[in-house]
Protein backbone atom coordinates (compact mmCIF):
# COMPACT_ATOMS: atom_id res chain seq x y z
CA MET A 1 36.25 -220.74 -31.20
CA GLU A 2 36.85 -223.60 -33.44
CA ARG A 3 34.42 -224.19 -36.70
CA GLY A 4 33.02 -228.23 -37.09
CA GLY A 5 32.81 -229.65 -40.56
CA SER A 6 30.92 -232.53 -42.65
CA VAL A 7 31.69 -234.69 -45.11
CA TYR A 8 29.48 -235.82 -47.65
CA ILE A 9 28.41 -237.97 -50.53
CA LEU A 10 26.42 -237.03 -53.15
CA THR A 11 25.53 -239.39 -56.22
CA ASN A 12 22.43 -239.21 -59.23
CA LYS A 13 19.42 -240.80 -59.27
CA ASN A 14 20.90 -244.00 -60.39
CA LYS A 15 23.27 -244.47 -58.36
CA THR A 16 25.91 -244.84 -60.96
CA THR A 17 27.75 -241.51 -59.66
CA LEU A 18 29.68 -240.48 -56.55
CA TYR A 19 30.99 -237.63 -55.14
CA VAL A 20 32.52 -237.20 -51.50
CA GLY A 21 33.09 -233.51 -50.45
CA VAL A 22 33.52 -231.58 -47.28
CA THR A 23 32.27 -228.52 -45.45
CA SER A 24 32.12 -226.22 -42.78
CA ASP A 25 28.00 -225.84 -43.66
CA LEU A 26 26.95 -228.71 -45.01
CA SER A 27 22.85 -227.17 -45.20
CA SER A 28 24.46 -224.47 -47.66
CA ARG A 29 26.54 -226.74 -49.18
CA ILE A 30 23.82 -229.48 -49.87
CA ARG A 31 21.41 -226.28 -51.19
CA GLN A 32 24.46 -225.00 -53.70
CA HIS A 33 24.67 -228.40 -54.89
CA LEU A 34 20.60 -228.67 -55.98
CA ASN A 35 20.75 -225.74 -57.12
CA LYS A 36 24.30 -226.14 -59.34
CA GLU A 37 25.11 -223.30 -58.57
CA PHE A 38 28.79 -223.86 -59.94
CA PRO A 39 26.93 -225.78 -63.54
CA HIS A 40 30.60 -226.70 -64.63
CA SER A 41 31.31 -228.18 -61.03
CA PHE A 42 31.64 -232.00 -61.27
CA SER A 43 28.49 -232.37 -59.21
CA ALA A 44 26.41 -230.43 -61.38
CA ARG A 45 28.15 -231.85 -64.72
CA TYR A 46 26.96 -235.56 -63.65
CA ASN A 47 23.79 -234.30 -61.88
CA LEU A 48 24.89 -235.37 -58.54
CA THR A 49 22.04 -234.30 -56.16
CA HIS A 50 21.33 -236.79 -53.64
CA LEU A 51 22.93 -236.89 -50.16
CA ILE A 52 23.07 -240.41 -49.44
CA TYR A 53 25.69 -240.21 -46.80
CA MET A 54 27.23 -237.23 -43.81
CA GLU A 55 29.46 -237.67 -41.18
CA HIS A 56 30.17 -234.58 -38.57
CA PHE A 57 33.28 -233.82 -36.73
CA SER A 58 33.93 -230.80 -34.66
CA SER A 59 36.61 -229.31 -36.53
CA ILE A 60 36.91 -229.02 -40.07
CA GLU A 61 40.64 -230.29 -39.94
CA GLU A 62 39.19 -233.64 -38.91
CA ALA A 63 36.75 -233.39 -41.62
CA ILE A 64 39.10 -232.96 -43.96
CA GLU A 65 41.47 -235.70 -42.90
CA ARG A 66 38.31 -238.17 -43.15
CA GLU A 67 37.04 -236.79 -46.55
CA LYS A 68 41.00 -237.81 -47.51
CA LYS A 69 40.97 -240.92 -46.28
CA ILE A 70 37.64 -242.22 -48.05
CA LYS A 71 38.67 -240.68 -51.19
CA SER A 72 41.76 -243.07 -50.91
CA LYS A 73 38.86 -246.01 -50.84
CA THR A 74 37.36 -248.44 -53.89
CA ARG A 75 34.15 -247.52 -55.05
CA VAL A 76 33.17 -250.98 -53.02
CA ASN A 77 34.51 -250.18 -49.93
CA LYS A 78 32.43 -246.40 -50.33
CA GLU A 79 29.61 -248.01 -50.89
CA LYS A 80 29.73 -250.34 -48.37
CA LEU A 81 30.29 -247.21 -46.06
CA ILE A 82 27.11 -245.72 -47.33
CA THR A 83 25.54 -249.03 -46.95
CA LYS A 84 26.16 -249.43 -43.04
CA HIS A 85 24.97 -245.82 -42.15
CA ASN A 86 22.48 -245.68 -44.57
CA PRO A 87 20.80 -249.12 -46.19
CA ASN A 88 18.45 -248.02 -48.55
CA TRP A 89 20.63 -245.31 -49.58
CA ASN A 90 17.69 -242.80 -49.39
CA ASP A 91 18.35 -239.38 -50.10
CA LEU A 92 18.86 -237.46 -46.88
CA ALA A 93 18.97 -233.58 -48.44
CA ASN A 94 15.50 -232.96 -47.07
CA ASP A 95 16.63 -233.46 -43.66
CA VAL A 96 19.74 -231.66 -43.79
CA LEU A 97 17.51 -228.98 -45.43
CA ASN A 98 15.01 -228.72 -42.95
CA TRP A 99 17.81 -228.23 -40.32
């Protein structure tokens, strides 16, 4: 059985830094970011705790390909992607944690 995957984007409260990630378990991964389980990670150092974008795929391989595509884009293009799906850049973390 193939396991799905998700691509997500985190930011900080001032929306100055973006982090693009991929995971096979989005709620667990978001919990790790919020709890700063990896204190020396990029997301912990920059206090990236606001989930502002997510996209789900039927396979982790598809999610990884999408992550690579998003990461290769400029900040402006990432902002356009986020705004298209989440115009107010609302924090979606609680929605994911309540799944």
